[in-house]
Amino acid sequence: MRGDRSRRLTILSETEKLALYGRPDFDDFQRAEFFAMTNAERSLALRRNGLEAQVYCLLQIGYFKAKQAFFRMPF
């Protein structure tokens, strides 16, 4: 049993969980790769009402390309 008296098995460390499930932290090359939008992706984002919704959509597309997951982001 672990020192914190939890009965749950811990397989991944917090750092490993963040690497797998956290929002990605891109370098310059990755940023260019994942945020290079196709015309269809750009069109999808531009159909949103307002600049904030458009930017949010573009961010979700880029993050999804990297992690195949969607993230909640505060604005």
N, C-alpha and C. Protein backbone atom coordinates (compact mmCIF):
# COMPACT_ATOMS: atom_id res chain seq x y z
N MET A 1 0.85 -1.18 0.00
CA MET A 1 0.00 0.00 0.00
C MET A 1 0.90 1.24 0.00
N ARG A 2 0.43 2.27 -0.67
CA ARG A 2 1.21 3.51 -0.77
C ARG A 2 1.14 4.30 0.53
N GLY A 3 2.03 5.26 0.64
CA GLY A 3 2.09 6.08 1.83
C GLY A 3 0.88 6.95 2.06
N ASP A 4 0.13 7.28 0.98
CA ASP A 4 -1.03 8.15 1.16
C ASP A 4 -2.31 7.35 1.45
N ARG A 5 -2.19 6.07 1.68
CA ARG A 5 -3.28 5.18 2.06
C ARG A 5 -4.35 5.03 0.99
N SER A 6 -4.02 5.36 -0.24
CA SER A 6 -4.97 5.19 -1.34
C SER A 6 -4.92 3.75 -1.82
N ARG A 7 -6.07 3.22 -2.15
CA ARG A 7 -6.12 1.84 -2.65
C ARG A 7 -5.97 1.80 -4.17
N ARG A 8 -5.88 2.95 -4.80
CA ARG A 8 -5.75 3.01 -6.25
C ARG A 8 -4.29 2.83 -6.66
N LEU A 9 -4.09 2.09 -7.72
CA LEU A 9 -2.78 1.87 -8.27
C LEU A 9 -2.37 3.09 -9.08
N THR A 10 -1.18 3.57 -8.89
CA THR A 10 -0.67 4.70 -9.64
C THR A 10 0.33 4.18 -10.67
N ILE A 11 -0.03 4.35 -11.93
CA ILE A 11 0.83 3.86 -13.01
C ILE A 11 1.64 5.00 -13.61
N LEU A 12 1.01 6.13 -13.80
CA LEU A 12 1.68 7.27 -14.41
C LEU A 12 1.96 8.36 -13.38
N SER A 13 3.11 8.98 -13.51
CA SER A 13 3.41 10.13 -12.66
C SER A 13 2.61 11.33 -13.16
N GLU A 14 2.57 12.39 -12.38
CA GLU A 14 1.86 13.61 -12.80
C GLU A 14 2.47 14.18 -14.07
N THR A 15 3.78 14.12 -14.21
CA THR A 15 4.46 14.61 -15.42
C THR A 15 4.05 13.79 -16.64
N GLU A 16 3.97 12.48 -16.47
CA GLU A 16 3.56 11.60 -17.57
C GLU A 16 2.10 11.84 -17.95
N LYS A 17 1.23 12.05 -16.96
CA LYS A 17 -0.17 12.35 -17.24
C LYS A 17 -0.30 13.65 -18.03
N LEU A 18 0.47 14.65 -17.62
CA LEU A 18 0.44 15.94 -18.31
C LEU A 18 0.93 15.79 -19.75
N ALA A 19 1.98 15.00 -19.95
CA ALA A 19 2.49 14.78 -21.30
C ALA A 19 1.46 14.10 -22.19
N LEU A 20 0.71 13.16 -21.63
CA LEU A 20 -0.29 12.43 -22.41
C LEU A 20 -1.60 13.19 -22.59
N TYR A 21 -2.07 13.83 -21.53
CA TYR A 21 -3.42 14.38 -21.53
C TYR A 21 -3.48 15.90 -21.44
N GLY A 22 -2.38 16.55 -21.18
CA GLY A 22 -2.38 18.00 -21.03
C GLY A 22 -2.30 18.71 -22.37
N ARG A 23 -2.61 19.99 -22.34
CA ARG A 23 -2.48 20.79 -23.55
C ARG A 23 -1.03 20.77 -24.00
N PRO A 24 -0.79 20.59 -25.30
CA PRO A 24 0.58 20.53 -25.78
C PRO A 24 1.29 21.87 -25.67
N ASP A 25 2.59 21.81 -25.52
CA ASP A 25 3.46 22.99 -25.51
C ASP A 25 4.34 22.85 -26.75
N PHE A 26 4.02 23.60 -27.80
CA PHE A 26 4.66 23.43 -29.09
C PHE A 26 5.97 24.19 -29.21
N ASP A 27 6.92 23.59 -29.94
CA ASP A 27 8.09 24.35 -30.36
C ASP A 27 7.72 25.01 -31.70
N ASP A 28 8.63 25.77 -32.28
CA ASP A 28 8.32 26.51 -33.51
C ASP A 28 7.93 25.58 -34.66
N PHE A 29 8.64 24.46 -34.81
CA PHE A 29 8.35 23.52 -35.88
C PHE A 29 6.96 22.91 -35.70
N GLN A 30 6.64 22.47 -34.49
CA GLN A 30 5.33 21.86 -34.22
C GLN A 30 4.21 22.87 -34.41
N ARG A 31 4.44 24.11 -33.99
CA ARG A 31 3.42 25.15 -34.15
C ARG A 31 3.10 25.34 -35.63
N ALA A 32 4.13 25.39 -36.46
CA ALA A 32 3.92 25.56 -37.90
C ALA A 32 3.21 24.34 -38.49
N GLU A 33 3.55 23.15 -38.01
CA GLU A 33 2.95 21.93 -38.52
C GLU A 33 1.48 21.79 -38.14
N PHE A 34 1.17 21.95 -36.86
CA PHE A 34 -0.19 21.70 -36.38
C PHE A 34 -1.16 22.85 -36.63
N PHE A 35 -0.64 24.06 -36.84
CA PHE A 35 -1.53 25.20 -37.06
C PHE A 35 -1.51 25.68 -38.51
N ALA A 36 -0.95 24.88 -39.40
CA ALA A 36 -1.08 25.15 -40.83
C ALA A 36 -2.46 24.65 -41.23
N MET A 37 -3.37 25.56 -41.48
CA MET A 37 -4.77 25.20 -41.71
C MET A 37 -5.06 25.02 -43.19
N THR A 38 -5.88 24.03 -43.48
CA THR A 38 -6.37 23.85 -44.85
C THR A 38 -7.45 24.89 -45.11
N ASN A 39 -7.85 25.03 -46.35
CA ASN A 39 -8.94 25.96 -46.67
C ASN A 39 -10.22 25.55 -45.96
N ALA A 40 -10.48 24.25 -45.88
CA ALA A 40 -11.70 23.78 -45.21
C ALA A 40 -11.67 24.11 -43.71
N GLU A 41 -10.52 23.93 -43.08
CA GLU A 41 -10.39 24.24 -41.64
C GLU A 41 -10.55 25.73 -41.39
N ARG A 42 -9.92 26.54 -42.24
CA ARG A 42 -10.02 27.99 -42.11
C ARG A 42 -11.47 28.44 -42.32
N SER A 43 -12.12 27.86 -43.31
CA SER A 43 -13.52 28.20 -43.59
C SER A 43 -14.42 27.84 -42.41
N LEU A 44 -14.19 26.68 -41.82
CA LEU A 44 -14.96 26.26 -40.65
C LEU A 44 -14.83 27.28 -39.52
N ALA A 45 -13.61 27.71 -39.26
CA ALA A 45 -13.38 28.68 -38.17
C ALA A 45 -14.02 30.03 -38.49
N LEU A 46 -13.92 30.47 -39.72
CA LEU A 46 -14.45 31.79 -40.08
C LEU A 46 -15.97 31.84 -40.10
N ARG A 47 -16.63 30.69 -40.09
CA ARG A 47 -18.09 30.66 -39.99
C ARG A 47 -18.58 30.91 -38.57
N ARG A 48 -17.69 30.90 -37.60
CA ARG A 48 -18.06 31.17 -36.21
C ARG A 48 -18.35 32.65 -36.05
N ASN A 49 -19.25 32.97 -35.13
CA ASN A 49 -19.61 34.37 -34.86
C ASN A 49 -18.60 34.98 -33.91
N GLY A 50 -17.89 35.99 -34.35
CA GLY A 50 -16.97 36.72 -33.50
C GLY A 50 -15.55 36.19 -33.55
N LEU A 51 -14.62 37.10 -33.34
CA LEU A 51 -13.20 36.77 -33.41
C LEU A 51 -12.80 35.76 -32.34
N GLU A 52 -13.33 35.89 -31.13
CA GLU A 52 -12.98 34.97 -30.05
C GLU A 52 -13.36 33.53 -30.41
N ALA A 53 -14.55 33.33 -30.95
CA ALA A 53 -15.00 32.00 -31.34
C ALA A 53 -14.17 31.45 -32.50
N GLN A 54 -13.76 32.32 -33.40
CA GLN A 54 -12.93 31.89 -34.52
C GLN A 54 -11.55 31.43 -34.05
N VAL A 55 -10.94 32.20 -33.17
CA VAL A 55 -9.63 31.84 -32.63
C VAL A 55 -9.74 30.55 -31.82
N TYR A 56 -10.77 30.43 -31.02
CA TYR A 56 -10.99 29.23 -30.22
C TYR A 56 -11.10 28.00 -31.13
N CYS A 57 -11.84 28.13 -32.21
CA CYS A 57 -12.00 27.02 -33.16
C CYS A 57 -10.65 26.65 -33.78
N LEU A 58 -9.87 27.63 -34.20
CA LEU A 58 -8.56 27.35 -34.78
C LEU A 58 -7.63 26.66 -33.78
N LEU A 59 -7.67 27.11 -32.52
CA LEU A 59 -6.86 26.47 -31.48
C LEU A 59 -7.29 25.02 -31.27
N GLN A 60 -8.59 24.78 -31.23
CA GLN A 60 -9.08 23.41 -31.05
C GLN A 60 -8.65 22.51 -32.21
N ILE A 61 -8.69 23.03 -33.42
CA ILE A 61 -8.26 22.25 -34.59
C ILE A 61 -6.79 21.88 -34.46
N GLY A 62 -5.95 22.87 -34.13
CA GLY A 62 -4.51 22.62 -34.00
C GLY A 62 -4.20 21.65 -32.88
N TYR A 63 -4.82 21.83 -31.73
CA TYR A 63 -4.58 20.93 -30.60
C TYR A 63 -5.09 19.52 -30.92
N PHE A 64 -6.22 19.44 -31.64
CA PHE A 64 -6.74 18.12 -31.99
C PHE A 64 -5.79 17.38 -32.93
N LYS A 65 -5.19 18.11 -33.86
CA LYS A 65 -4.22 17.48 -34.75
C LYS A 65 -3.05 16.90 -33.95
N ALA A 66 -2.68 17.57 -32.89
CA ALA A 66 -1.52 17.12 -32.09
C ALA A 66 -1.87 15.99 -31.14
N LYS A 67 -3.02 16.06 -30.48
CA LYS A 67 -3.32 15.13 -29.38
C LYS A 67 -4.60 14.31 -29.57
N GLN A 68 -5.35 14.56 -30.63
CA GLN A 68 -6.63 13.88 -30.86
C GLN A 68 -7.54 14.02 -29.63
N ALA A 69 -7.55 15.22 -29.09
CA ALA A 69 -8.39 15.54 -27.93
C ALA A 69 -8.77 17.02 -28.00
N PHE A 70 -9.86 17.36 -27.36
CA PHE A 70 -10.28 18.75 -27.26
C PHE A 70 -10.00 19.24 -25.84
N PHE A 71 -9.73 20.53 -25.71
CA PHE A 71 -9.34 21.10 -24.42
C PHE A 71 -10.23 22.30 -24.11
N ARG A 72 -10.50 22.47 -22.83
CA ARG A 72 -11.19 23.66 -22.36
C ARG A 72 -10.14 24.73 -22.11
N MET A 73 -10.37 25.89 -22.70
CA MET A 73 -9.41 26.98 -22.56
C MET A 73 -10.13 28.24 -22.13
N PRO A 74 -9.68 28.86 -21.08
CA PRO A 74 -10.30 30.13 -20.67
C PRO A 74 -9.88 31.26 -21.59
N PHE A 75 -10.78 32.21 -21.83
CA PHE A 75 -10.44 33.40 -22.61
C PHE A 75 -10.51 34.61 -21.73
